[in-house]
Amino acid sequence: MLGSDMDADGSEIQASLVAALVHNFHFSELEASKLSSHAIHCTEKAKHPTQFTVIGRGLESYVDYYQKGEYKEIQKDVSSIFDIVRECQQENIQQAR
């Protein structure tokens, strides 16, 4: 969205993603940096077709929220997704032990 709406370059987009993950979703800077790098790699459709599709659908949903002015709802929905991912990661760590 930043790239198309504000003509931002890749580094500006990644920095904005890191800042959003840290300030809005309470990720550590390291976690946010790793996730933003992974998300960028997942924009290569040939290498990451499933993640590419998920990102595309997420952008479409964001546009819908944005156009309706439902900013708080998108933060709530995205936060719940991150909570589920974190929960799964914790379960995987415990199972590995």
C-alpha atoms as a PDB file:
ATOM      1  CA  MET A   1       0.000   0.000   0.000  1.00  0.00           C
ATOM      2  CA  LEU A   2       2.793   2.421   0.876  1.00  0.00           C
ATOM      3  CA  GLY A   3       4.584   1.651  -2.348  1.00  0.00           C
ATOM      4  CA  SER A   4       1.602   2.441  -4.495  1.00  0.00           C
ATOM      5  CA  ASP A   5      -0.075   5.187  -2.438  1.00  0.00           C
ATOM      6  CA  MET A   6       3.000   7.163  -1.435  1.00  0.00           C
ATOM      7  CA  ASP A   7       5.595   6.051  -3.983  1.00  0.00           C
ATOM      8  CA  ALA A   8       7.744   4.643  -1.169  1.00  0.00           C
ATOM      9  CA  ASP A   9      10.798   2.545  -1.930  1.00  0.00           C
ATOM     10  CA  GLY A  10      11.599  -0.875  -0.473  1.00  0.00           C
ATOM     11  CA  SER A  11      13.611   0.356   2.485  1.00  0.00           C
ATOM     12  CA  GLU A  12      10.870   2.830   3.478  1.00  0.00           C
ATOM     13  CA  ILE A  13       8.264   0.095   3.259  1.00  0.00           C
ATOM     14  CA  GLN A  14      10.339  -2.293   5.376  1.00  0.00           C
ATOM     15  CA  ALA A  15      11.063   0.411   7.963  1.00  0.00           C
ATOM     16  CA  SER A  16       7.346   1.230   8.185  1.00  0.00           C
ATOM     17  CA  LEU A  17       6.484  -2.445   8.607  1.00  0.00           C
ATOM     18  CA  VAL A  18       9.053  -2.822  11.392  1.00  0.00           C
ATOM     19  CA  ALA A  19       7.752   0.313  13.115  1.00  0.00           C
ATOM     20  CA  ALA A  20       4.139  -0.898  12.883  1.00  0.00           C
ATOM     21  CA  LEU A  21       5.035  -4.326  14.270  1.00  0.00           C
ATOM     22  CA  VAL A  22       6.942  -2.778  17.181  1.00  0.00           C
ATOM     23  CA  HIS A  23       4.581   0.074  18.075  1.00  0.00           C
ATOM     24  CA  ASN A  24       1.168  -1.335  17.183  1.00  0.00           C
ATOM     25  CA  PHE A  25       1.633  -5.054  17.742  1.00  0.00           C
ATOM     26  CA  HIS A  26       4.318  -5.025  20.468  1.00  0.00           C
ATOM     27  CA  PHE A  27       6.928  -7.134  18.671  1.00  0.00           C
ATOM     28  CA  SER A  28      10.532  -6.753  19.732  1.00  0.00           C
ATOM     29  CA  GLU A  29      12.710  -4.954  17.186  1.00  0.00           C
ATOM     30  CA  LEU A  30      14.467  -8.236  16.376  1.00  0.00           C
ATOM     31  CA  GLU A  31      11.177 -10.110  15.864  1.00  0.00           C
ATOM     32  CA  ALA A  32       9.821  -7.277  13.723  1.00  0.00           C
ATOM     33  CA  SER A  33      12.957  -7.152  11.617  1.00  0.00           C
ATOM     34  CA  LYS A  34      12.908 -10.918  11.012  1.00  0.00           C
ATOM     35  CA  LEU A  35       9.191 -10.921  10.169  1.00  0.00           C
ATOM     36  CA  SER A  36       9.517  -7.982   7.779  1.00  0.00           C
ATOM     37  CA  SER A  37      12.415  -9.673   5.978  1.00  0.00           C
ATOM     38  CA  HIS A  38      10.423 -12.889   5.719  1.00  0.00           C
ATOM     39  CA  ALA A  39       7.376 -11.012   4.418  1.00  0.00           C
ATOM     40  CA  ILE A  40       9.487  -9.370   1.719  1.00  0.00           C
ATOM     41  CA  HIS A  41      10.871 -12.738   0.628  1.00  0.00           C
ATOM     42  CA  CYS A  42       7.317 -14.084   0.487  1.00  0.00           C
ATOM     43  CA  THR A  43       6.418 -11.540  -2.184  1.00  0.00           C
ATOM     44  CA  GLU A  44       8.281 -13.757  -4.648  1.00  0.00           C
ATOM     45  CA  LYS A  45       5.329 -15.752  -5.946  1.00  0.00           C
ATOM     46  CA  ALA A  46       7.395 -18.497  -7.586  1.00  0.00           C
ATOM     47  CA  LYS A  47       9.304 -19.276  -4.376  1.00  0.00           C
ATOM     48  CA  HIS A  48       6.492 -18.761  -1.845  1.00  0.00           C
ATOM     49  CA  PRO A  49       3.133 -19.247  -3.622  1.00  0.00           C
ATOM     50  CA  THR A  50       1.061 -19.832  -0.483  1.00  0.00           C
ATOM     51  CA  GLN A  51       2.501 -16.928   1.493  1.00  0.00           C
ATOM     52  CA  PHE A  52       2.263 -14.723  -1.610  1.00  0.00           C
ATOM     53  CA  THR A  53      -1.459 -15.506  -1.821  1.00  0.00           C
ATOM     54  CA  VAL A  54      -1.984 -14.817   1.884  1.00  0.00           C
ATOM     55  CA  ILE A  55      -0.195 -11.464   1.602  1.00  0.00           C
ATOM     56  CA  GLY A  56      -2.262 -10.554  -1.450  1.00  0.00           C
ATOM     57  CA  ARG A  57      -5.512 -11.352   0.323  1.00  0.00           C
ATOM     58  CA  GLY A  58      -4.334  -9.418   3.353  1.00  0.00           C
ATOM     59  CA  LEU A  59      -3.696  -6.359   1.200  1.00  0.00           C
ATOM     60  CA  GLU A  60      -7.137  -6.682  -0.379  1.00  0.00           C
ATOM     61  CA  SER A  61      -8.722  -6.870   3.077  1.00  0.00           C
ATOM     62  CA  TYR A  62      -6.705  -3.889   4.261  1.00  0.00           C
ATOM     63  CA  VAL A  63      -8.006  -1.833   1.344  1.00  0.00           C
ATOM     64  CA  ASP A  64     -11.569  -2.767   2.345  1.00  0.00           C
ATOM     65  CA  TYR A  65     -10.955  -1.734   5.972  1.00  0.00           C
ATOM     66  CA  TYR A  66      -9.164   1.445   4.865  1.00  0.00           C
ATOM     67  CA  GLN A  67     -11.928   2.521   2.511  1.00  0.00           C
ATOM     68  CA  LYS A  68     -14.542   1.970   5.234  1.00  0.00           C
ATOM     69  CA  GLY A  69     -12.472   3.814   7.869  1.00  0.00           C
ATOM     70  CA  GLU A  70     -12.385   0.742  10.131  1.00  0.00           C
ATOM     71  CA  TYR A  71      -8.856   1.249  11.457  1.00  0.00           C
ATOM     72  CA  LYS A  72      -9.422  -0.166  14.938  1.00  0.00           C
ATOM     73  CA  GLU A  73     -11.006  -3.312  13.516  1.00  0.00           C
ATOM     74  CA  ILE A  74      -8.022  -4.129  11.330  1.00  0.00           C
ATOM     75  CA  GLN A  75      -5.624  -3.725  14.249  1.00  0.00           C
ATOM     76  CA  LYS A  76      -7.817  -6.027  16.344  1.00  0.00           C
ATOM     77  CA  ASP A  77      -8.017  -8.649  13.582  1.00  0.00           C
ATOM     78  CA  VAL A  78      -4.301  -8.560  12.820  1.00  0.00           C
ATOM     79  CA  SER A  79      -3.452  -8.716  16.532  1.00  0.00           C
ATOM     80  CA  SER A  80      -5.590 -11.824  16.919  1.00  0.00           C
ATOM     81  CA  ILE A  81      -3.734 -13.446  14.014  1.00  0.00           C
ATOM     82  CA  PHE A  82      -0.376 -12.638  15.623  1.00  0.00           C
ATOM     83  CA  ASP A  83      -1.617 -14.050  18.940  1.00  0.00           C
ATOM     84  CA  ILE A  84      -2.505 -17.327  17.234  1.00  0.00           C
ATOM     85  CA  VAL A  85       0.873 -17.470  15.488  1.00  0.00           C
ATOM     86  CA  ARG A  86       2.701 -16.817  18.762  1.00  0.00           C
ATOM     87  CA  GLU A  87       0.634 -19.495  20.497  1.00  0.00           C
ATOM     88  CA  CYS A  88       1.526 -22.023  17.795  1.00  0.00           C
ATOM     89  CA  GLN A  89       5.194 -21.095  18.052  1.00  0.00           C
ATOM     90  CA  GLN A  90       5.130 -21.652  21.816  1.00  0.00           C
ATOM     91  CA  GLU A  91       3.471 -25.053  21.335  1.00  0.00           C
ATOM     92  CA  ASN A  92       6.126 -26.008  18.781  1.00  0.00           C
ATOM     93  CA  ILE A  93       8.910 -24.953  21.157  1.00  0.00           C
ATOM     94  CA  GLN A  94       7.395 -26.981  23.998  1.00  0.00           C
ATOM     95  CA  GLN A  95       6.962 -30.033  21.776  1.00  0.00           C
ATOM     96  CA  ALA A  96      10.581 -29.780  20.631  1.00  0.00           C
ATOM     97  CA  ARG A  97      11.783 -29.981  24.229  1.00  0.00           C
END
